[in-house]
């Protein structure tokens, strides 16, 4: 990986490892970072099924497959750069929250969707 290091995944909440992530998704994430032209700070990447269920989720999210990240963003300009780069790289699942953007490439979930967490 050109733009990401193991420690960035270790610093996620919950902590994870690059080896937990889908290899093809990591390659895509690196390309998105390059195209966005800004550092991508990861809030969350891989989450275990158990962790997801403890948080009241289904345990079937793209995070549990290593095919999703939540990227910190503090301004609308940063959000735009991340979303634009994701769309340029054929990401078809984007969620926008307060201070972060979720991207994933899990083709088992609904495609061509953008949602918010507000």
N, C-alpha and C. Protein backbone atom coordinates (compact mmCIF):
# COMPACT_ATOMS: atom_id res chain seq x y z
N UNK A 1 0.85 -1.18 0.00
CA UNK A 1 0.00 0.00 0.00
C UNK A 1 0.89 1.24 0.00
N UNK A 2 0.48 2.19 -0.78
CA UNK A 2 1.27 3.40 -0.91
C UNK A 2 0.94 4.42 0.19
N UNK A 3 -0.35 4.53 0.55
CA UNK A 3 -0.76 5.61 1.43
C UNK A 3 -1.16 5.17 2.84
N UNK A 4 -1.26 3.90 3.09
CA UNK A 4 -1.74 3.43 4.39
C UNK A 4 -0.72 2.52 5.05
N UNK A 5 -0.69 2.58 6.38
CA UNK A 5 0.21 1.74 7.17
C UNK A 5 -0.61 0.95 8.19
N UNK A 6 -0.04 -0.10 8.69
CA UNK A 6 -0.71 -0.95 9.67
C UNK A 6 -1.23 -0.16 10.87
N UNK A 7 -0.45 0.81 11.33
CA UNK A 7 -0.84 1.57 12.53
C UNK A 7 -2.15 2.32 12.34
N UNK A 8 -2.47 2.70 11.11
CA UNK A 8 -3.73 3.40 10.87
C UNK A 8 -4.93 2.50 11.11
N UNK A 9 -4.78 1.23 10.85
CA UNK A 9 -5.85 0.27 11.10
C UNK A 9 -5.89 -0.09 12.59
N UNK A 10 -4.71 -0.14 13.21
CA UNK A 10 -4.64 -0.39 14.66
C UNK A 10 -5.31 0.73 15.45
N UNK A 11 -5.30 1.96 14.90
CA UNK A 11 -5.89 3.11 15.59
C UNK A 11 -7.39 3.26 15.36
N UNK A 12 -7.97 2.41 14.54
CA UNK A 12 -9.40 2.46 14.29
C UNK A 12 -10.18 2.06 15.54
N UNK A 13 -11.46 2.39 15.55
CA UNK A 13 -12.34 1.98 16.63
C UNK A 13 -13.46 1.11 16.05
N UNK A 14 -13.42 -0.20 16.29
CA UNK A 14 -12.44 -0.96 17.07
C UNK A 14 -11.14 -1.16 16.29
N UNK A 15 -10.07 -1.41 17.04
CA UNK A 15 -8.77 -1.65 16.41
C UNK A 15 -8.86 -2.88 15.51
N UNK A 16 -8.15 -2.83 14.41
CA UNK A 16 -8.10 -3.96 13.50
C UNK A 16 -6.73 -3.98 12.84
N UNK A 17 -6.58 -4.86 11.89
CA UNK A 17 -5.32 -5.03 11.18
C UNK A 17 -5.58 -4.95 9.68
N UNK A 18 -4.57 -4.57 8.94
CA UNK A 18 -4.71 -4.57 7.48
C UNK A 18 -5.07 -5.96 6.98
N UNK A 19 -4.60 -7.00 7.66
CA UNK A 19 -4.88 -8.36 7.22
C UNK A 19 -6.35 -8.73 7.41
N UNK A 20 -7.10 -7.96 8.21
CA UNK A 20 -8.54 -8.18 8.35
C UNK A 20 -9.31 -7.68 7.12
N UNK A 21 -8.67 -6.82 6.35
CA UNK A 21 -9.35 -6.16 5.24
C UNK A 21 -9.26 -6.98 3.97
N UNK A 22 -10.27 -6.81 3.11
CA UNK A 22 -10.27 -7.42 1.79
C UNK A 22 -9.16 -6.80 0.94
N UNK A 23 -8.32 -7.62 0.35
CA UNK A 23 -7.16 -7.14 -0.40
C UNK A 23 -7.56 -6.18 -1.54
N UNK A 24 -8.57 -6.55 -2.31
CA UNK A 24 -9.00 -5.71 -3.43
C UNK A 24 -9.55 -4.37 -2.93
N UNK A 25 -10.22 -4.39 -1.78
CA UNK A 25 -10.73 -3.13 -1.22
C UNK A 25 -9.57 -2.23 -0.81
N UNK A 26 -8.50 -2.80 -0.24
CA UNK A 26 -7.34 -1.99 0.14
C UNK A 26 -6.70 -1.32 -1.07
N UNK A 27 -6.60 -2.04 -2.16
CA UNK A 27 -6.05 -1.46 -3.39
C UNK A 27 -6.93 -0.30 -3.85
N UNK A 28 -8.23 -0.50 -3.79
CA UNK A 28 -9.18 0.54 -4.17
C UNK A 28 -9.08 1.74 -3.23
N UNK A 29 -8.95 1.50 -1.95
CA UNK A 29 -8.83 2.58 -0.97
C UNK A 29 -7.58 3.42 -1.24
N UNK A 30 -6.49 2.78 -1.59
CA UNK A 30 -5.26 3.50 -1.93
C UNK A 30 -5.49 4.40 -3.14
N UNK A 31 -6.20 3.90 -4.13
CA UNK A 31 -6.50 4.70 -5.34
C UNK A 31 -7.41 5.88 -5.00
N UNK A 32 -8.38 5.65 -4.14
CA UNK A 32 -9.28 6.74 -3.71
C UNK A 32 -8.48 7.82 -3.01
N UNK A 33 -7.55 7.41 -2.16
CA UNK A 33 -6.69 8.37 -1.45
C UNK A 33 -5.89 9.19 -2.45
N UNK A 34 -5.33 8.54 -3.44
CA UNK A 34 -4.55 9.24 -4.46
C UNK A 34 -5.42 10.25 -5.21
N UNK A 35 -6.59 9.83 -5.62
CA UNK A 35 -7.47 10.71 -6.38
C UNK A 35 -8.06 11.84 -5.55
N UNK A 36 -8.29 11.60 -4.27
CA UNK A 36 -8.81 12.65 -3.39
C UNK A 36 -7.76 13.74 -3.16
N UNK A 37 -6.51 13.36 -3.17
CA UNK A 37 -5.43 14.33 -2.99
C UNK A 37 -5.28 14.84 -1.57
N UNK A 38 -5.88 14.14 -0.62
CA UNK A 38 -5.79 14.52 0.79
C UNK A 38 -5.57 13.25 1.62
N UNK A 39 -4.99 13.39 2.80
CA UNK A 39 -4.89 12.20 3.67
C UNK A 39 -6.28 11.69 4.04
N UNK A 40 -6.42 10.39 4.10
CA UNK A 40 -7.68 9.78 4.54
C UNK A 40 -7.43 9.17 5.92
N UNK A 41 -8.05 9.75 6.93
CA UNK A 41 -7.88 9.27 8.29
C UNK A 41 -9.04 8.34 8.60
N UNK A 42 -8.70 7.11 8.94
CA UNK A 42 -9.72 6.08 9.15
C UNK A 42 -10.23 6.12 10.59
N UNK A 43 -11.54 6.24 10.73
CA UNK A 43 -12.18 6.11 12.05
C UNK A 43 -12.46 4.65 12.35
N UNK A 44 -12.91 3.93 11.33
CA UNK A 44 -13.34 2.54 11.50
C UNK A 44 -13.07 1.81 10.19
N UNK A 45 -12.65 0.56 10.34
CA UNK A 45 -12.45 -0.28 9.15
C UNK A 45 -13.12 -1.62 9.43
N UNK A 46 -12.34 -2.66 9.66
CA UNK A 46 -12.92 -3.98 9.94
C UNK A 46 -13.58 -4.00 11.32
N UNK A 47 -14.75 -4.64 11.39
CA UNK A 47 -15.42 -4.90 12.67
C UNK A 47 -15.86 -6.37 12.65
N UNK A 48 -15.64 -7.05 13.73
CA UNK A 48 -16.07 -8.45 13.80
C UNK A 48 -17.59 -8.52 13.85
N UNK A 49 -18.11 -9.67 13.49
CA UNK A 49 -19.56 -9.90 13.56
C UNK A 49 -20.02 -9.71 15.00
N UNK A 50 -19.24 -10.23 15.95
CA UNK A 50 -19.60 -10.10 17.36
C UNK A 50 -19.68 -8.64 17.79
N UNK A 51 -18.70 -7.85 17.37
CA UNK A 51 -18.69 -6.42 17.70
C UNK A 51 -19.93 -5.73 17.13
N UNK A 52 -20.21 -6.02 15.87
CA UNK A 52 -21.38 -5.41 15.23
C UNK A 52 -22.66 -5.75 15.99
N UNK A 53 -22.81 -7.00 16.36
CA UNK A 53 -24.03 -7.43 17.06
C UNK A 53 -24.13 -6.80 18.45
N UNK A 54 -23.00 -6.64 19.14
CA UNK A 54 -22.99 -5.99 20.45
C UNK A 54 -23.48 -4.55 20.36
N UNK A 55 -23.25 -3.93 19.21
CA UNK A 55 -23.67 -2.54 18.98
C UNK A 55 -25.09 -2.46 18.44
N UNK A 56 -25.79 -3.60 18.38
CA UNK A 56 -27.17 -3.61 17.92
C UNK A 56 -27.33 -3.69 16.42
N UNK A 57 -26.25 -3.98 15.72
CA UNK A 57 -26.31 -4.10 14.27
C UNK A 57 -26.52 -5.57 13.88
N UNK A 58 -26.73 -5.80 12.61
CA UNK A 58 -27.06 -7.14 12.11
C UNK A 58 -25.89 -8.10 12.11
N UNK A 59 -24.68 -7.58 12.07
CA UNK A 59 -23.51 -8.45 11.93
C UNK A 59 -23.22 -8.80 10.49
N UNK A 60 -23.93 -8.17 9.56
CA UNK A 60 -23.77 -8.47 8.13
C UNK A 60 -23.29 -7.26 7.33
N UNK A 61 -22.74 -6.27 8.00
CA UNK A 61 -22.30 -5.06 7.30
C UNK A 61 -21.05 -5.33 6.48
N UNK A 62 -20.76 -4.44 5.57
CA UNK A 62 -19.55 -4.54 4.76
C UNK A 62 -18.30 -4.47 5.64
N UNK A 63 -18.40 -3.81 6.79
CA UNK A 63 -17.26 -3.75 7.72
C UNK A 63 -16.85 -5.15 8.16
N UNK A 64 -17.81 -6.05 8.36
CA UNK A 64 -17.50 -7.39 8.86
C UNK A 64 -16.82 -8.25 7.79
N UNK A 65 -16.82 -7.76 6.56
CA UNK A 65 -16.16 -8.48 5.46
C UNK A 65 -14.85 -7.81 5.05
N UNK A 66 -14.50 -6.72 5.77
CA UNK A 66 -13.29 -5.99 5.42
C UNK A 66 -13.41 -5.21 4.13
N UNK A 67 -14.64 -4.85 3.78
CA UNK A 67 -14.90 -4.14 2.53
C UNK A 67 -15.46 -2.74 2.76
N UNK A 68 -15.19 -2.16 3.94
CA UNK A 68 -15.73 -0.84 4.25
C UNK A 68 -14.80 -0.09 5.19
N UNK A 69 -14.83 1.22 5.07
CA UNK A 69 -14.15 2.10 6.02
C UNK A 69 -15.03 3.33 6.26
N UNK A 70 -14.83 3.92 7.43
CA UNK A 70 -15.39 5.22 7.74
C UNK A 70 -14.21 6.18 7.81
N UNK A 71 -14.28 7.23 7.01
CA UNK A 71 -13.16 8.17 6.86
C UNK A 71 -13.54 9.49 7.53
N UNK A 72 -12.68 9.97 8.42
CA UNK A 72 -12.92 11.23 9.12
C UNK A 72 -12.87 12.39 8.13
N UNK A 73 -13.80 13.30 8.29
CA UNK A 73 -13.77 14.54 7.51
C UNK A 73 -14.38 15.65 8.35
N UNK A 74 -13.70 16.78 8.37
CA UNK A 74 -14.13 17.86 9.25
C UNK A 74 -14.74 19.05 8.52
N UNK A 75 -14.67 19.03 7.19
CA UNK A 75 -15.24 20.15 6.43
C UNK A 75 -16.05 19.61 5.25
N UNK A 76 -16.90 20.45 4.71
CA UNK A 76 -17.67 20.04 3.54
C UNK A 76 -16.76 19.85 2.32
N UNK A 77 -15.68 20.60 2.26
CA UNK A 77 -14.73 20.45 1.15
C UNK A 77 -14.04 19.09 1.21
N UNK A 78 -13.69 18.66 2.40
CA UNK A 78 -13.08 17.34 2.57
C UNK A 78 -14.08 16.25 2.22
N UNK A 79 -15.31 16.41 2.68
CA UNK A 79 -16.36 15.44 2.35
C UNK A 79 -16.52 15.33 0.84
N UNK A 80 -16.56 16.46 0.16
CA UNK A 80 -16.69 16.46 -1.30
C UNK A 80 -15.53 15.71 -1.96
N UNK A 81 -14.31 15.98 -1.54
CA UNK A 81 -13.14 15.33 -2.14
C UNK A 81 -13.21 13.81 -1.97
N UNK A 82 -13.63 13.37 -0.80
CA UNK A 82 -13.72 11.93 -0.54
C UNK A 82 -14.82 11.30 -1.38
N UNK A 83 -15.99 11.91 -1.38
CA UNK A 83 -17.11 11.37 -2.15
C UNK A 83 -16.80 11.39 -3.64
N UNK A 84 -16.23 12.46 -4.12
CA UNK A 84 -15.90 12.57 -5.54
C UNK A 84 -14.90 11.48 -5.95
N UNK A 85 -13.86 11.30 -5.15
CA UNK A 85 -12.86 10.26 -5.46
C UNK A 85 -13.49 8.87 -5.39
N UNK A 86 -14.38 8.65 -4.43
CA UNK A 86 -15.06 7.35 -4.33
C UNK A 86 -15.89 7.08 -5.58
N UNK A 87 -16.65 8.07 -6.01
CA UNK A 87 -17.47 7.90 -7.20
C UNK A 87 -16.61 7.67 -8.45
N UNK A 88 -15.50 8.38 -8.55
CA UNK A 88 -14.59 8.19 -9.68
C UNK A 88 -14.05 6.76 -9.73
N UNK A 89 -14.00 6.12 -8.58
CA UNK A 89 -13.46 4.76 -8.49
C UNK A 89 -14.54 3.70 -8.37
N UNK A 90 -15.73 4.06 -8.84
CA UNK A 90 -16.83 3.12 -8.97
C UNK A 90 -17.37 2.59 -7.64
N UNK A 91 -17.22 3.38 -6.57
CA UNK A 91 -17.85 3.02 -5.30
C UNK A 91 -19.34 3.31 -5.44
N UNK A 92 -20.16 2.34 -5.13
CA UNK A 92 -21.61 2.47 -5.32
C UNK A 92 -22.37 2.44 -4.01
N UNK A 93 -21.62 2.58 -2.88
CA UNK A 93 -22.24 2.60 -1.56
C UNK A 93 -21.52 3.64 -0.71
N UNK A 94 -22.21 4.73 -0.41
CA UNK A 94 -21.61 5.84 0.34
C UNK A 94 -22.59 6.29 1.41
N UNK A 95 -22.08 6.44 2.62
CA UNK A 95 -22.88 6.98 3.72
C UNK A 95 -22.20 8.22 4.26
N UNK A 96 -22.98 9.25 4.54
CA UNK A 96 -22.42 10.50 5.04
C UNK A 96 -22.95 10.76 6.44
N UNK A 97 -22.03 10.87 7.38
CA UNK A 97 -22.39 11.13 8.77
C UNK A 97 -21.81 12.44 9.25
N UNK A 98 -21.99 12.71 10.50
CA UNK A 98 -21.47 13.92 11.12
C UNK A 98 -19.97 13.74 11.37
N UNK A 99 -19.17 14.23 10.45
CA UNK A 99 -17.72 14.15 10.60
C UNK A 99 -17.07 12.94 9.97
N UNK A 100 -17.82 12.19 9.16
CA UNK A 100 -17.20 11.05 8.49
C UNK A 100 -17.98 10.67 7.23
N UNK A 101 -17.29 9.93 6.36
CA UNK A 101 -17.89 9.35 5.17
C UNK A 101 -17.61 7.86 5.20
N UNK A 102 -18.66 7.06 5.02
CA UNK A 102 -18.54 5.61 4.91
C UNK A 102 -18.48 5.28 3.43
N UNK A 103 -17.53 4.42 3.06
CA UNK A 103 -17.50 3.88 1.70
C UNK A 103 -17.33 2.37 1.79
N UNK A 104 -17.98 1.67 0.89
CA UNK A 104 -17.76 0.22 0.81
C UNK A 104 -18.01 -0.27 -0.59
N UNK A 105 -17.51 -1.47 -0.85
CA UNK A 105 -17.71 -2.10 -2.16
C UNK A 105 -18.27 -3.51 -2.01
N UNK A 106 -19.18 -3.67 -1.07
CA UNK A 106 -19.82 -4.97 -0.84
C UNK A 106 -20.95 -5.14 -1.84
N UNK A 107 -20.72 -5.96 -2.86
CA UNK A 107 -21.73 -6.11 -3.91
C UNK A 107 -22.89 -7.01 -3.51
N UNK A 108 -22.86 -7.54 -2.29
CA UNK A 108 -24.02 -8.31 -1.81
C UNK A 108 -25.08 -7.41 -1.18
N UNK A 109 -24.76 -6.13 -1.02
CA UNK A 109 -25.69 -5.15 -0.44
C UNK A 109 -26.23 -4.25 -1.55
N UNK A 110 -27.32 -3.52 -1.30
CA UNK A 110 -27.89 -2.65 -2.33
C UNK A 110 -26.84 -1.71 -2.94
N UNK A 111 -26.93 -1.54 -4.24
CA UNK A 111 -25.96 -0.74 -5.00
C UNK A 111 -26.54 0.60 -5.42
N UNK A 112 -25.63 1.50 -5.82
CA UNK A 112 -25.99 2.84 -6.28
C UNK A 112 -26.85 3.56 -5.25
N UNK A 113 -26.30 3.60 -4.00
CA UNK A 113 -27.01 4.24 -2.89
C UNK A 113 -26.06 5.21 -2.16
N UNK A 114 -26.64 6.32 -1.75
CA UNK A 114 -25.98 7.27 -0.84
C UNK A 114 -26.99 7.55 0.25
N UNK A 115 -26.55 7.40 1.49
CA UNK A 115 -27.44 7.64 2.63
C UNK A 115 -26.75 8.55 3.63
N UNK A 116 -27.52 9.01 4.60
CA UNK A 116 -26.95 9.80 5.68
C UNK A 116 -27.24 9.15 7.01
N UNK A 117 -26.47 9.54 8.01
CA UNK A 117 -26.63 9.01 9.35
C UNK A 117 -27.22 10.05 10.29
N UNK A 118 -27.84 11.10 9.74
CA UNK A 118 -28.37 12.18 10.58
C UNK A 118 -29.75 11.82 11.09
